C-alpha atoms as a PDB file:
ATOM      1  CA  MET A   1       0.000   0.000   0.000  1.00  0.00           C
ATOM      2  CA  GLU A   2       2.847   2.402   0.809  1.00  0.00           C
ATOM      3  CA  LYS A   3       4.394   1.798  -2.611  1.00  0.00           C
ATOM      4  CA  LEU A   4       1.030   2.449  -4.260  1.00  0.00           C
ATOM      5  CA  ASN A   5       0.580   5.680  -2.331  1.00  0.00           C
ATOM      6  CA  TYR A   6       4.106   6.681  -3.311  1.00  0.00           C
ATOM      7  CA  LEU A   7       3.299   6.086  -6.982  1.00  0.00           C
ATOM      8  CA  PHE A   8       0.217   8.311  -6.830  1.00  0.00           C
ATOM      9  CA  THR A   9       1.646  11.067  -4.632  1.00  0.00           C
ATOM     10  CA  HIS A  10       5.271  11.293  -5.760  1.00  0.00           C
ATOM     11  CA  HIS A  11       5.917  13.548  -8.744  1.00  0.00           C
ATOM     12  CA  ALA A  12       9.108  12.825 -10.631  1.00  0.00           C
ATOM     13  CA  VAL A  13       8.517  16.021 -12.612  1.00  0.00           C
ATOM     14  CA  LEU A  14      10.454  15.330 -15.780  1.00  0.00           C
ATOM     15  CA  PRO A  15      10.909  18.386 -17.996  1.00  0.00           C
ATOM     16  CA  GLU A  16       7.957  18.804 -20.344  1.00  0.00           C
ATOM     17  CA  SER A  17      10.256  18.416 -23.342  1.00  0.00           C
ATOM     18  CA  VAL A  18      11.262  14.950 -22.089  1.00  0.00           C
ATOM     19  CA  MET A  19       7.579  14.033 -21.649  1.00  0.00           C
ATOM     20  CA  TRP A  20       6.971  14.949 -25.281  1.00  0.00           C
ATOM     21  CA  VAL A  21       9.965  12.869 -26.364  1.00  0.00           C
ATOM     22  CA  VAL A  22       8.663   9.831 -24.437  1.00  0.00           C
ATOM     23  CA  PHE A  23       5.274  10.282 -26.076  1.00  0.00           C
ATOM     24  CA  GLY A  24       6.838  10.608 -29.541  1.00  0.00           C
ATOM     25  CA  ILE A  25       8.903   7.443 -29.075  1.00  0.00           C
ATOM     26  CA  ALA A  26       5.810   5.549 -27.910  1.00  0.00           C
ATOM     27  CA  VAL A  27       3.837   6.651 -30.993  1.00  0.00           C
ATOM     28  CA  ILE A  28       6.663   5.703 -33.381  1.00  0.00           C
ATOM     29  CA  ILE A  29       7.015   2.257 -31.774  1.00  0.00           C
ATOM     30  CA  LEU A  30       3.263   1.638 -32.032  1.00  0.00           C
ATOM     31  CA  LEU A  31       3.129   2.752 -35.663  1.00  0.00           C
ATOM     32  CA  LEU A  32       6.112   0.581 -36.632  1.00  0.00           C
ATOM     33  CA  TRP A  33       4.659  -2.406 -34.807  1.00  0.00           C
ATOM     34  CA  ASP A  34       1.310  -1.789 -36.501  1.00  0.00           C
ATOM     35  CA  LEU A  35       2.982  -1.516 -39.916  1.00  0.00           C
ATOM     36  CA  LEU A  36       5.084  -4.661 -39.498  1.00  0.00           C
ATOM     37  CA  PHE A  37       2.475  -6.797 -37.752  1.00  0.00           C
ATOM     38  CA  PHE A  38      -0.824  -5.641 -39.219  1.00  0.00           C
ATOM     39  CA  ASN A  39       0.091  -4.085 -42.544  1.00  0.00           C
ATOM     40  CA  ARG A  40       2.680  -6.522 -43.908  1.00  0.00           C
ATOM     41  CA  LYS A  41       0.705  -7.449 -46.997  1.00  0.00           C
ATOM     42  CA  ASN A  42      -2.646  -6.850 -48.597  1.00  0.00           C
ATOM     43  CA  GLU A  43      -5.033  -9.335 -47.065  1.00  0.00           C
ATOM     44  CA  VAL A  44      -8.298  -9.273 -45.175  1.00  0.00           C
ATOM     45  CA  PRO A  45      -7.411  -8.638 -41.503  1.00  0.00           C
ATOM     46  CA  ASN A  46      -8.321 -11.632 -39.376  1.00  0.00           C
ATOM     47  CA  PHE A  47     -10.116 -11.365 -36.064  1.00  0.00           C
ATOM     48  CA  THR A  48      -7.201 -12.604 -33.925  1.00  0.00           C
ATOM     49  CA  HIS A  49      -4.683 -10.083 -35.245  1.00  0.00           C
ATOM     50  CA  THR A  50      -7.237  -7.288 -34.988  1.00  0.00           C
ATOM     51  CA  LEU A  51      -8.133  -8.175 -31.404  1.00  0.00           C
ATOM     52  CA  ILE A  52      -4.447  -8.343 -30.409  1.00  0.00           C
ATOM     53  CA  LEU A  53      -3.825  -4.940 -31.988  1.00  0.00           C
ATOM     54  CA  CYS A  54      -6.798  -3.397 -30.148  1.00  0.00           C
ATOM     55  CA  ILE A  55      -5.590  -4.816 -26.828  1.00  0.00           C
ATOM     56  CA  VAL A  56      -2.027  -3.581 -27.426  1.00  0.00           C
ATOM     57  CA  TYR A  57      -3.222  -0.030 -28.179  1.00  0.00           C
ATOM     58  CA  ILE A  58      -5.459   0.065 -25.103  1.00  0.00           C
ATOM     59  CA  LEU A  59      -2.682  -1.323 -22.874  1.00  0.00           C
ATOM     60  CA  ALA A  60      -0.233   1.212 -24.331  1.00  0.00           C
ATOM     61  CA  ALA A  61      -2.646   4.035 -23.484  1.00  0.00           C
ATOM     62  CA  CYS A  62      -3.117   2.677 -19.951  1.00  0.00           C
ATOM     63  CA  ILE A  63       0.646   2.396 -19.402  1.00  0.00           C
ATOM     64  CA  PHE A  64       1.138   5.943 -20.654  1.00  0.00           C
ATOM     65  CA  GLY A  65      -1.685   7.097 -18.378  1.00  0.00           C
ATOM     66  CA  VAL A  66       0.088   5.561 -15.361  1.00  0.00           C
ATOM     67  CA  PHE A  67       3.274   7.297 -16.517  1.00  0.00           C
ATOM     68  CA  VAL A  68       1.372  10.617 -16.537  1.00  0.00           C
ATOM     69  CA  ILE A  69       0.083   9.904 -13.028  1.00  0.00           C
ATOM     70  CA  TYR A  70       3.629   9.203 -11.827  1.00  0.00           C
ATOM     71  CA  GLU A  71       5.063  12.339 -13.421  1.00  0.00           C
ATOM     72  CA  GLU A  72       2.186  14.820 -13.173  1.00  0.00           C
ATOM     73  CA  GLY A  73      -0.017  13.535 -10.366  1.00  0.00           C
ATOM     74  CA  MET A  74      -3.337  11.728 -10.056  1.00  0.00           C
ATOM     75  CA  ASP A  75      -5.533  14.595 -11.264  1.00  0.00           C
ATOM     76  CA  LYS A  76      -3.744  14.973 -14.594  1.00  0.00           C
ATOM     77  CA  GLY A  77      -3.626  11.214 -15.009  1.00  0.00           C
ATOM     78  CA  LEU A  78      -7.390  11.012 -14.570  1.00  0.00           C
ATOM     79  CA  LEU A  79      -7.831  13.855 -17.064  1.00  0.00           C
ATOM     80  CA  PHE A  80      -5.746  11.858 -19.558  1.00  0.00           C
ATOM     81  CA  PHE A  81      -7.928   8.781 -19.093  1.00  0.00           C
ATOM     82  CA  THR A  82     -11.107  10.876 -19.371  1.00  0.00           C
ATOM     83  CA  GLY A  83      -9.916  12.474 -22.608  1.00  0.00           C
ATOM     84  CA  PHE A  84      -8.902   9.075 -23.967  1.00  0.00           C
ATOM     85  CA  LEU A  85     -12.266   7.567 -23.052  1.00  0.00           C
ATOM     86  CA  VAL A  86     -14.249  10.434 -24.595  1.00  0.00           C
ATOM     87  CA  GLU A  87     -12.264  10.303 -27.849  1.00  0.00           C
ATOM     88  CA  LYS A  88     -12.512   6.498 -27.958  1.00  0.00           C
ATOM     89  CA  SER A  89     -16.257   6.588 -27.449  1.00  0.00           C
ATOM     90  CA  LEU A  90     -16.703   9.150 -30.214  1.00  0.00           C
ATOM     91  CA  SER A  91     -14.575   6.889 -32.434  1.00  0.00           C
ATOM     92  CA  LEU A  92     -17.154   4.131 -32.032  1.00  0.00           C
ATOM     93  CA  ASP A  93     -19.667   6.292 -33.847  1.00  0.00           C
ATOM     94  CA  ASN A  94     -17.068   7.117 -36.514  1.00  0.00           C
ATOM     95  CA  VAL A  95     -16.672   3.417 -37.330  1.00  0.00           C
ATOM     96  CA  PHE A  96     -20.126   3.441 -38.899  1.00  0.00           C
ATOM     97  CA  ILE A  97     -19.274   6.465 -41.077  1.00  0.00           C
ATOM     98  CA  ILE A  98     -16.033   4.863 -42.287  1.00  0.00           C
ATOM     99  CA  SER A  99     -17.952   1.693 -43.129  1.00  0.00           C
ATOM    100  CA  LEU A 100     -20.385   3.745 -45.230  1.00  0.00           C
ATOM    101  CA  ILE A 101     -17.470   5.346 -47.111  1.00  0.00           C
ATOM    102  CA  PHE A 102     -15.881   2.017 -47.973  1.00  0.00           C
ATOM    103  CA  THR A 103     -19.204   0.442 -48.916  1.00  0.00           C
ATOM    104  CA  SER A 104     -20.233   3.341 -51.138  1.00  0.00           C
ATOM    105  CA  LEU A 105     -16.879   3.399 -52.953  1.00  0.00           C
ATOM    106  CA  GLN A 106     -16.754  -0.424 -53.082  1.00  0.00           C
ATOM    107  CA  ILE A 107     -13.298  -0.625 -51.491  1.00  0.00           C
ATOM    108  CA  PRO A 108     -12.316  -4.299 -51.000  1.00  0.00           C
ATOM    109  CA  ARG A 109     -11.641  -5.224 -47.359  1.00  0.00           C
ATOM    110  CA  MET A 110      -8.113  -6.338 -48.246  1.00  0.00           C
ATOM    111  CA  TYR A 111      -7.194  -2.727 -49.133  1.00  0.00           C
ATOM    112  CA  GLN A 112      -9.179  -0.915 -46.429  1.00  0.00           C
ATOM    113  CA  HIS A 113      -6.403  -1.222 -43.853  1.00  0.00           C
ATOM    114  CA  ARG A 114      -4.009   0.599 -46.230  1.00  0.00           C
ATOM    115  CA  VAL A 115      -6.409   3.527 -46.554  1.00  0.00           C
ATOM    116  CA  LEU A 116      -6.944   3.714 -42.787  1.00  0.00           C
ATOM    117  CA  PHE A 117      -3.219   3.471 -41.976  1.00  0.00           C
ATOM    118  CA  TRP A 118      -2.401   6.542 -44.073  1.00  0.00           C
ATOM    119  CA  GLY A 119      -5.593   8.173 -42.861  1.00  0.00           C
ATOM    120  CA  ILE A 120      -4.430   7.845 -39.262  1.00  0.00           C
ATOM    121  CA  LEU A 121      -1.021   9.320 -40.111  1.00  0.00           C
ATOM    122  CA  GLY A 122      -2.790  12.300 -41.655  1.00  0.00           C
ATOM    123  CA  ALA A 123      -5.047  12.556 -38.597  1.00  0.00           C
ATOM    124  CA  LEU A 124      -2.002  12.811 -36.297  1.00  0.00           C
ATOM    125  CA  VAL A 125      -0.946  15.946 -38.160  1.00  0.00           C
ATOM    126  CA  MET A 126      -4.409  17.459 -38.587  1.00  0.00           C
ATOM    127  CA  ARG A 127      -5.385  16.894 -34.962  1.00  0.00           C
ATOM    128  CA  GLY A 128      -2.122  18.506 -33.872  1.00  0.00           C
ATOM    129  CA  ILE A 129      -2.825  21.579 -35.980  1.00  0.00           C
ATOM    130  CA  LEU A 130      -6.422  21.889 -34.737  1.00  0.00           C
ATOM    131  CA  ILE A 131      -5.431  21.373 -31.093  1.00  0.00           C
ATOM    132  CA  PHE A 132      -2.621  23.943 -31.144  1.00  0.00           C
ATOM    133  CA  VAL A 133      -4.845  26.440 -32.971  1.00  0.00           C
ATOM    134  CA  GLY A 134      -7.545  25.853 -30.354  1.00  0.00           C
ATOM    135  CA  ASP A 135      -4.994  26.345 -27.568  1.00  0.00           C
ATOM    136  CA  ALA A 136      -3.821  29.630 -29.079  1.00  0.00           C
ATOM    137  CA  LEU A 137      -7.422  30.842 -29.383  1.00  0.00           C
ATOM    138  CA  ILE A 138      -8.240  29.983 -25.775  1.00  0.00           C
ATOM    139  CA  LYS A 139      -5.106  31.680 -24.450  1.00  0.00           C
ATOM    140  CA  GLU A 140      -5.979  34.829 -26.400  1.00  0.00           C
ATOM    141  CA  PHE A 141      -9.771  34.662 -26.035  1.00  0.00           C
ATOM    142  CA  HIS A 142     -10.878  32.670 -22.993  1.00  0.00           C
ATOM    143  CA  TRP A 143     -14.527  33.123 -23.934  1.00  0.00           C
ATOM    144  CA  VAL A 144     -13.955  30.621 -26.764  1.00  0.00           C
ATOM    145  CA  LEU A 145     -14.501  27.910 -24.120  1.00  0.00           C
ATOM    146  CA  TYR A 146     -18.106  29.068 -23.826  1.00  0.00           C
ATOM    147  CA  VAL A 147     -18.463  28.816 -27.595  1.00  0.00           C
ATOM    148  CA  PHE A 148     -17.114  25.240 -27.421  1.00  0.00           C
ATOM    149  CA  SER A 149     -19.566  24.515 -24.633  1.00  0.00           C
ATOM    150  CA  ALA A 150     -22.538  25.856 -26.577  1.00  0.00           C
ATOM    151  CA  PHE A 151     -21.468  23.885 -29.655  1.00  0.00           C
ATOM    152  CA  LEU A 152     -21.278  20.618 -27.708  1.00  0.00           C
ATOM    153  CA  LEU A 153     -24.678  21.221 -26.135  1.00  0.00           C
ATOM    154  CA  TYR A 154     -26.149  21.896 -29.592  1.00  0.00           C
ATOM    155  CA  THR A 155     -24.450  18.807 -31.073  1.00  0.00           C
ATOM    156  CA  GLY A 156     -25.524  16.565 -28.199  1.00  0.00           C
ATOM    157  CA  ILE A 157     -29.154  17.669 -28.428  1.00  0.00           C
ATOM    158  CA  LYS A 158     -29.200  17.446 -32.231  1.00  0.00           C
ATOM    159  CA  MET A 159     -27.927  13.847 -32.150  1.00  0.00           C
ATOM    160  CA  VAL A 160     -31.120  12.618 -30.496  1.00  0.00           C
ATOM    161  CA  LEU A 161     -33.633  14.804 -32.349  1.00  0.00           C
ATOM    162  CA  PRO A 162     -35.922  13.173 -34.932  1.00  0.00           C
ATOM    163  CA  GLY A 163     -34.380  13.161 -38.396  1.00  0.00           C
ATOM    164  CA  SER A 164     -30.778  13.041 -37.151  1.00  0.00           C
ATOM    165  CA  GLU A 165     -30.482   9.450 -38.376  1.00  0.00           C
ATOM    166  CA  GLU A 166     -31.106  10.268 -42.031  1.00  0.00           C
ATOM    167  CA  GLN A 167     -28.221   9.227 -44.252  1.00  0.00           C
ATOM    168  CA  VAL A 168     -27.398  10.836 -47.590  1.00  0.00           C
ATOM    169  CA  PRO A 169     -25.710   8.538 -50.153  1.00  0.00           C
ATOM    170  CA  LEU A 170     -22.012   9.403 -50.348  1.00  0.00           C
ATOM    171  CA  LYS A 171     -22.019   9.983 -54.103  1.00  0.00           C
ATOM    172  CA  LYS A 172     -24.762  12.593 -53.711  1.00  0.00           C
ATOM    173  CA  THR A 173     -22.937  14.615 -51.074  1.00  0.00           C
ATOM    174  CA  ARG A 174     -21.316  17.971 -51.767  1.00  0.00           C
ATOM    175  CA  LEU A 175     -17.979  16.606 -50.536  1.00  0.00           C
ATOM    176  CA  TYR A 176     -17.961  13.819 -53.136  1.00  0.00           C
ATOM    177  CA  LYS A 177     -18.882  16.227 -55.955  1.00  0.00           C
ATOM    178  CA  THR A 178     -16.232  18.751 -54.865  1.00  0.00           C
ATOM    179  CA  ILE A 179     -13.410  16.198 -54.838  1.00  0.00           C
ATOM    180  CA  SER A 180     -14.546  14.833 -58.217  1.00  0.00           C
ATOM    181  CA  ARG A 181     -14.344  18.337 -59.644  1.00  0.00           C
ATOM    182  CA  PHE A 182     -10.684  18.809 -58.712  1.00  0.00           C
ATOM    183  CA  PHE A 183      -9.326  15.336 -59.494  1.00  0.00           C
ATOM    184  CA  HIS A 184      -9.523  12.891 -62.381  1.00  0.00           C
ATOM    185  CA  VAL A 185     -10.937   9.752 -60.800  1.00  0.00           C
ATOM    186  CA  THR A 186     -10.830   6.214 -62.131  1.00  0.00           C
ATOM    187  CA  HIS A 187     -13.681   4.098 -60.842  1.00  0.00           C
ATOM    188  CA  GLU A 188     -11.710   0.849 -61.017  1.00  0.00           C
ATOM    189  CA  ILE A 189      -9.547  -0.611 -58.263  1.00  0.00           C
ATOM    190  CA  HIS A 190      -5.919  -0.986 -59.365  1.00  0.00           C
ATOM    191  CA  GLY A 191      -4.494  -3.100 -56.574  1.00  0.00           C
ATOM    192  CA  GLU A 192      -3.106  -1.128 -53.652  1.00  0.00           C
ATOM    193  CA  HIS A 193      -2.245   1.926 -55.756  1.00  0.00           C
ATOM    194  CA  PHE A 194      -3.503   5.389 -54.866  1.00  0.00           C
ATOM    195  CA  PHE A 195      -2.520   6.933 -58.224  1.00  0.00           C
ATOM    196  CA  LEU A 196      -2.628   5.816 -61.829  1.00  0.00           C
ATOM    197  CA  LYS A 197      -1.321   7.184 -65.117  1.00  0.00           C
ATOM    198  CA  GLN A 198      -3.290   6.401 -68.292  1.00  0.00           C
ATOM    199  CA  ASN A 199      -2.920   7.975 -71.737  1.00  0.00           C
ATOM    200  CA  GLY A 200      -0.604  10.625 -70.325  1.00  0.00           C
ATOM    201  CA  ARG A 201      -3.141  11.725 -67.679  1.00  0.00           C
ATOM    202  CA  HIS A 202      -2.840  11.186 -63.926  1.00  0.00           C
ATOM    203  CA  TYR A 203      -5.802   9.717 -62.057  1.00  0.00           C
ATOM    204  CA  ILE A 204      -6.592   9.013 -58.440  1.00  0.00           C
ATOM    205  CA  THR A 205      -8.000   5.575 -57.691  1.00  0.00           C
ATOM    206  CA  PRO A 206     -10.996   4.882 -55.426  1.00  0.00           C
ATOM    207  CA  LEU A 207      -8.478   4.098 -52.648  1.00  0.00           C
ATOM    208  CA  PHE A 208      -7.046   7.616 -52.650  1.00  0.00           C
ATOM    209  CA  PHE A 209     -10.542   9.055 -53.096  1.00  0.00           C
ATOM    210  CA  ALA A 210     -11.587   7.152 -49.966  1.00  0.00           C
ATOM    211  CA  LEU A 211      -8.474   8.443 -48.155  1.00  0.00           C
ATOM    212  CA  LEU A 212      -9.385  12.055 -48.984  1.00  0.00           C
ATOM    213  CA  ILE A 213     -12.920  11.562 -47.679  1.00  0.00           C
ATOM    214  CA  VAL A 214     -11.728   9.772 -44.525  1.00  0.00           C
ATOM    215  CA  GLU A 215      -9.293  12.635 -43.813  1.00  0.00           C
ATOM    216  CA  THR A 216     -11.996  15.229 -44.417  1.00  0.00           C
ATOM    217  CA  MET A 217     -14.433  13.383 -42.177  1.00  0.00           C
ATOM    218  CA  ASP A 218     -11.779  13.189 -39.446  1.00  0.00           C
ATOM    219  CA  VAL A 219     -11.552  16.978 -39.451  1.00  0.00           C
ATOM    220  CA  ILE A 220     -15.345  17.094 -39.106  1.00  0.00           C
ATOM    221  CA  PHE A 221     -15.219  14.527 -36.276  1.00  0.00           C
ATOM    222  CA  ALA A 222     -12.554  16.647 -34.580  1.00  0.00           C
ATOM    223  CA  LEU A 223     -15.015  19.540 -34.361  1.00  0.00           C
ATOM    224  CA  ASP A 224     -16.835  17.453 -31.742  1.00  0.00           C
ATOM    225  CA  SER A 225     -13.958  15.782 -29.925  1.00  0.00           C
ATOM    226  CA  ILE A 226     -11.494  18.671 -29.666  1.00  0.00           C
ATOM    227  CA  PRO A 227     -13.931  21.152 -28.059  1.00  0.00           C
ATOM    228  CA  ALA A 228     -14.909  18.329 -25.698  1.00  0.00           C
ATOM    229  CA  ILE A 229     -11.345  17.694 -24.537  1.00  0.00           C
ATOM    230  CA  PHE A 230     -10.670  21.442 -24.126  1.00  0.00           C
ATOM    231  CA  LEU A 231     -13.638  21.600 -21.757  1.00  0.00           C
ATOM    232  CA  ILE A 232     -12.147  18.716 -19.762  1.00  0.00           C
ATOM    233  CA  THR A 233      -8.672  20.286 -19.466  1.00  0.00           C
ATOM    234  CA  GLN A 234      -6.616  23.047 -21.067  1.00  0.00           C
ATOM    235  CA  ASP A 235      -3.320  21.178 -20.589  1.00  0.00           C
ATOM    236  CA  ILE A 236      -2.063  20.867 -24.183  1.00  0.00           C
ATOM    237  CA  PHE A 237       0.057  17.799 -23.377  1.00  0.00           C
ATOM    238  CA  ILE A 238      -2.916  15.912 -21.913  1.00  0.00           C
ATOM    239  CA  ILE A 239      -5.175  17.031 -24.757  1.00  0.00           C
ATOM    240  CA  TYR A 240      -2.898  15.936 -27.589  1.00  0.00           C
ATOM    241  CA  THR A 241      -1.607  12.692 -26.069  1.00  0.00           C
ATOM    242  CA  SER A 242      -5.053  11.397 -25.044  1.00  0.00           C
ATOM    243  CA  ASN A 243      -6.439  12.329 -28.466  1.00  0.00           C
ATOM    244  CA  ILE A 244      -3.648  10.605 -30.380  1.00  0.00           C
ATOM    245  CA  PHE A 245      -3.634   7.427 -28.277  1.00  0.00           C
ATOM    246  CA  ALA A 246      -7.360   7.069 -28.993  1.00  0.00           C
ATOM    247  CA  ILE A 247      -6.904   7.680 -32.731  1.00  0.00           C
ATOM    248  CA  LEU A 248      -3.995   5.227 -33.077  1.00  0.00           C
ATOM    249  CA  GLY A 249      -6.274   2.291 -32.336  1.00  0.00           C
ATOM    250  CA  LEU A 250      -9.093   3.430 -34.630  1.00  0.00           C
ATOM    251  CA  ARG A 251      -8.087   1.205 -37.535  1.00  0.00           C
ATOM    252  CA  ALA A 252      -8.015  -1.970 -35.451  1.00  0.00           C
ATOM    253  CA  LEU A 253     -11.246  -0.887 -33.756  1.00  0.00           C
ATOM    254  CA  TYR A 254     -12.884  -0.479 -37.163  1.00  0.00           C
ATOM    255  CA  PHE A 255     -12.061  -4.014 -38.309  1.00  0.00           C
ATOM    256  CA  LEU A 256     -13.092  -5.412 -34.933  1.00  0.00           C
ATOM    257  CA  LEU A 257     -16.458  -3.654 -34.765  1.00  0.00           C
ATOM    258  CA  GLU A 258     -17.552  -2.925 -38.342  1.00  0.00           C
ATOM    259  CA  ALA A 259     -19.799  -5.980 -38.469  1.00  0.00           C
ATOM    260  CA  ALA A 260     -21.250  -5.358 -35.017  1.00  0.00           C
ATOM    261  CA  VAL A 261     -21.497  -1.573 -34.879  1.00  0.00           C
ATOM    262  CA  CYS A 262     -25.171  -1.662 -35.910  1.00  0.00           C
ATOM    263  CA  ARG A 263     -25.854  -3.628 -32.726  1.00  0.00           C
ATOM    264  CA  PHE A 264     -24.986  -0.589 -30.601  1.00  0.00           C
ATOM    265  CA  VAL A 265     -28.431   0.913 -31.068  1.00  0.00           C
ATOM    266  CA  TYR A 266     -28.148   3.143 -27.994  1.00  0.00           C
ATOM    267  CA  LEU A 267     -24.595   4.335 -28.665  1.00  0.00           C
ATOM    268  CA  LYS A 268     -25.688   7.594 -30.271  1.00  0.00           C
ATOM    269  CA  GLN A 269     -27.873   8.422 -27.268  1.00  0.00           C
ATOM    270  CA  ALA A 270     -24.974   7.658 -24.905  1.00  0.00           C
ATOM    271  CA  LEU A 271     -22.624   9.888 -26.906  1.00  0.00           C
ATOM    272  CA  SER A 272     -25.176  12.694 -26.918  1.00  0.00           C
ATOM    273  CA  VAL A 273     -25.432  12.512 -23.108  1.00  0.00           C
ATOM    274  CA  ILE A 274     -21.629  12.634 -22.840  1.00  0.00           C
ATOM    275  CA  LEU A 275     -21.432  15.714 -25.083  1.00  0.00           C
ATOM    276  CA  ILE A 276     -24.223  17.442 -23.140  1.00  0.00           C
ATOM    277  CA  PHE A 277     -22.505  16.613 -19.818  1.00  0.00           C
ATOM    278  CA  ILE A 278     -19.117  17.928 -20.984  1.00  0.00           C
ATOM    279  CA  GLY A 279     -20.717  20.985 -22.584  1.00  0.00           C
ATOM    280  CA  SER A 280     -22.546  21.860 -19.364  1.00  0.00           C
ATOM    281  CA  LYS A 281     -19.495  21.386 -17.090  1.00  0.00           C
ATOM    282  CA  ILE A 282     -18.290  24.942 -17.607  1.00  0.00           C
ATOM    283  CA  PHE A 283     -21.560  26.287 -16.154  1.00  0.00           C
ATOM    284  CA  LEU A 284     -21.779  23.977 -13.121  1.00  0.00           C
ATOM    285  CA  PRO A 285     -19.418  26.028 -10.877  1.00  0.00           C
ATOM    286  CA  TYR A 286     -21.881  28.914 -11.158  1.00  0.00           C
ATOM    287  CA  LEU A 287     -24.435  26.588  -9.536  1.00  0.00           C
ATOM    288  CA  GLY A 288     -22.025  25.668  -6.759  1.00  0.00           C
ATOM    289  CA  TRP A 289     -21.140  22.238  -8.192  1.00  0.00           C
ATOM    290  CA  LYS A 290     -17.458  21.462  -8.484  1.00  0.00           C
ATOM    291  CA  ILE A 291     -16.592  18.606 -10.853  1.00  0.00           C
ATOM    292  CA  GLU A 292     -13.382  16.820  -9.897  1.00  0.00           C
ATOM    293  CA  PRO A 293     -11.332  14.870 -12.511  1.00  0.00           C
ATOM    294  CA  TRP A 294     -12.453  11.525 -11.067  1.00  0.00           C
ATOM    295  CA  HIS A 295     -16.087  12.652 -11.338  1.00  0.00           C
ATOM    296  CA  SER A 296     -15.683  13.253 -15.082  1.00  0.00           C
ATOM    297  CA  LEU A 297     -13.979   9.899 -15.630  1.00  0.00           C
ATOM    298  CA  THR A 298     -16.594   7.980 -13.618  1.00  0.00           C
ATOM    299  CA  ILE A 299     -19.570   9.670 -15.272  1.00  0.00           C
ATOM    300  CA  THR A 300     -18.143   9.264 -18.794  1.00  0.00           C
ATOM    301  CA  PHE A 301     -17.330   5.590 -18.272  1.00  0.00           C
ATOM    302  CA  SER A 302     -20.747   4.916 -16.712  1.00  0.00           C
ATOM    303  CA  ILE A 303     -22.611   6.516 -19.619  1.00  0.00           C
ATOM    304  CA  ILE A 304     -20.652   4.509 -22.207  1.00  0.00           C
ATOM    305  CA  PHE A 305     -21.103   1.281 -20.248  1.00  0.00           C
ATOM    306  CA  ILE A 306     -24.854   1.817 -19.872  1.00  0.00           C
ATOM    307  CA  GLY A 307     -25.230   2.672 -23.577  1.00  0.00           C
ATOM    308  CA  ILE A 308     -23.346  -0.416 -24.780  1.00  0.00           C
ATOM    309  CA  ALA A 309     -24.956  -2.737 -22.201  1.00  0.00           C
ATOM    310  CA  ALA A 310     -28.444  -1.480 -23.051  1.00  0.00           C
ATOM    311  CA  SER A 311     -27.718  -2.003 -26.756  1.00  0.00           C
ATOM    312  CA  LEU A 312     -26.563  -5.578 -26.256  1.00  0.00           C
ATOM    313  CA  LEU A 313     -29.550  -6.398 -24.044  1.00  0.00           C
ATOM    314  CA  SER A 314     -32.066  -4.699 -26.307  1.00  0.00           C
ATOM    315  CA  SER A 315     -34.428  -6.761 -28.381  1.00  0.00           C
ATOM    316  CA  LYS A 316     -33.263  -4.709 -31.354  1.00  0.00           C
ATOM    317  CA  CYS A 317     -30.009  -6.662 -31.340  1.00  0.00           C
ATOM    318  CA  SER A 318     -31.797  -9.782 -32.478  1.00  0.00           C
ATOM    319  CA  LYS A 319     -33.286  -7.885 -35.418  1.00  0.00           C
ATOM    320  CA  ALA A 320     -29.934  -6.414 -36.563  1.00  0.00           C
END
């Protein structure tokens, strides 16, 4: 018990630059392991490999979270886990959108992992840009937090309103038409290639087209998740690391859950409650309610657990 108390109360206080280096090394190791283990050749990912990859990413995040607790204290460690859990839960909803993209563009499963691997690399950069821009805005204009809060409340309420489930076919969306206008697109799959040259003209294949849409959708997804994490904490290290650890496992999560995601019939309602809770946190101190880091983690985990458990127990599961 004394050793455990020492772990949670002792702060080693490494320089922040060293913390960033440790994080960077961890990300590089995970990406290389992913590339060598999961992306060695074009084949349909099997369940065992996918499950192992998901477990490794979750364990890596947990180990890093304990490292944050040791270096920065329990409160910041709990904020890391809360941010990771929120981003991971929002990723569950994103799995369905990615599945729609691949289905609409008829991307074979054996090439989907290639698209998602490069998509995640792009997301690491884009999330970094959006997070650091958000940090600069908040430091200059603190009232931006209230804008984030209002946006999350609006998004959370809109998710459960009638009509929010309507889906527009991908090829009829403005995004699809815009990309088609700027690029020559071949509608045939040419192996794992993103680009093709025919008759002296360069084309993008459906794989690269899918990559562009996945990257664009990630930016749209970030408009929900990044304001949410800024309302949990304004520590840029906690924000970026929790966000990236959640994103790193998205590809494995997709292949693990794509066939079962429709079973989570109450997931959207659970996510809407989470967004409403996080969006309202900034106003709670005015009512005399102080939300501690462990409160946020407990409430977020409980909402996700209830949503998934209710989905699995629902009679709708048998009809899916």
